[in-house]
Amino acid sequence: MKIPFLSNKSESAIDPVCGMTVDTGNPPGGVATHEGEPYYFCGPGCRVAFETDPEGYLWGEKSIELLFLRVQLETLFPNLHYKPYDRKSQTT
């Protein structure tokens, strides 16, 4: 018989935004569900970023590095109008 509060075994998952290892028993950033799958986060910022575009992070089209770069660019160049590349609208 396994008694949960006496068990030292903890499972972990990888935060899909930043790649950090997260304790699934107590994720600091909480949990988001996408298409029935739970995803665990190191902090609220990663969870919020994931919730805005889960497919982008799951398919590797987005990463936390790109997010930081965008924030830095917008800070340095406030008049820069950022328009993300829309792969779906391009014809071959």
Protein backbone atom coordinates (compact mmCIF):
# COMPACT_ATOMS: atom_id res chain seq x y z
CA MET A 1 0.00 0.00 0.00
CA LYS A 2 1.38 3.35 -1.05
CA ILE A 3 0.79 6.30 1.27
CA PRO A 4 1.03 9.50 -0.85
CA PHE A 5 2.34 11.84 1.82
CA LEU A 6 5.16 9.41 2.71
CA SER A 7 6.25 8.89 -0.87
CA ASN A 8 9.46 10.69 -1.86
CA LYS A 9 8.99 9.94 -5.55
CA SER A 10 8.17 13.05 -7.51
CA GLU A 11 7.52 13.21 -11.23
CA SER A 12 8.80 15.97 -13.44
CA ALA A 13 7.94 17.47 -16.81
CA ILE A 14 9.60 19.90 -19.19
CA ASP A 15 8.17 23.41 -19.45
CA PRO A 16 7.29 23.69 -23.19
CA VAL A 17 8.17 27.40 -23.27
CA CYS A 18 11.59 27.62 -21.60
CA GLY A 19 12.67 23.98 -21.35
CA MET A 20 13.12 23.94 -17.57
CA THR A 21 12.34 20.82 -15.54
CA VAL A 22 9.21 21.28 -13.43
CA ASP A 23 7.89 19.23 -10.50
CA THR A 24 4.45 18.06 -11.61
CA GLY A 25 3.32 17.72 -8.00
CA ASN A 26 3.80 21.43 -7.33
CA PRO A 27 4.48 23.40 -10.54
CA PRO A 28 5.39 27.02 -9.65
CA GLY A 29 3.73 28.36 -12.81
CA GLY A 30 0.68 26.16 -12.67
CA VAL A 31 -0.80 23.85 -15.26
CA ALA A 32 -2.47 24.50 -18.61
CA THR A 33 -4.39 21.91 -20.59
CA HIS A 34 -4.25 21.80 -24.37
CA GLU A 35 -6.15 19.16 -26.36
CA GLY A 36 -6.64 17.14 -23.19
CA GLU A 37 -2.93 17.07 -22.25
CA PRO A 38 -1.64 18.83 -19.12
CA TYR A 39 1.45 21.03 -19.46
CA TYR A 40 3.43 22.21 -16.43
CA PHE A 41 5.24 25.54 -16.08
CA CYS A 42 8.17 26.98 -14.15
CA GLY A 43 6.44 30.33 -13.70
CA PRO A 44 3.28 32.24 -14.58
CA GLY A 45 4.98 34.05 -17.48
CA CYS A 46 5.67 30.80 -19.32
CA ARG A 47 2.11 29.58 -18.72
CA VAL A 48 0.60 32.82 -20.06
CA ALA A 49 2.90 32.75 -23.11
CA PHE A 50 1.90 29.14 -23.80
CA GLU A 51 -1.82 29.87 -23.43
CA THR A 52 -1.61 32.60 -26.09
CA ASP A 53 -0.20 30.18 -28.72
CA PRO A 54 0.16 26.59 -27.53
CA GLU A 55 0.73 25.18 -31.03
CA GLY A 56 3.59 27.61 -31.64
CA TYR A 57 5.46 26.34 -28.58
CA LEU A 58 4.61 22.68 -29.08
CA TRP A 59 5.76 22.68 -32.71
CA GLY A 60 8.92 24.65 -31.93
CA GLU A 61 7.90 27.71 -33.94
CA LYS A 62 8.19 29.81 -30.80
CA SER A 63 10.56 29.76 -27.89
CA ILE A 64 11.25 31.89 -24.86
CA GLU A 65 14.38 33.24 -26.58
CA LEU A 66 12.26 34.65 -29.41
CA LEU A 67 9.85 36.15 -26.89
CA PHE A 68 12.70 37.91 -25.07
CA LEU A 69 14.12 39.18 -28.36
CA ARG A 70 10.74 40.64 -29.33
CA VAL A 71 10.40 42.40 -25.96
CA GLN A 72 13.92 43.81 -26.30
CA LEU A 73 13.24 45.04 -29.84
CA GLU A 74 9.96 46.65 -28.82
CA THR A 75 11.73 48.36 -25.91
CA LEU A 76 14.58 49.67 -28.07
CA PHE A 77 12.41 50.57 -31.05
CA PRO A 78 8.92 51.53 -29.81
CA ASN A 79 7.81 52.65 -33.28
CA LEU A 80 8.71 49.32 -34.87
CA HIS A 81 5.61 47.56 -36.13
CA TYR A 82 6.11 43.86 -35.65
CA LYS A 83 4.16 41.61 -37.98
CA PRO A 84 4.75 37.89 -37.40
CA TYR A 85 5.34 35.68 -40.39
CA ASP A 86 2.16 33.83 -41.26
CA ARG A 87 3.20 30.55 -42.86
CA LYS A 88 -0.42 29.57 -43.55
CA SER A 89 -1.09 32.58 -45.77
CA GLN A 90 1.92 31.93 -48.04
CA THR A 91 1.40 30.09 -51.30
CA THR A 92 3.91 27.67 -52.76
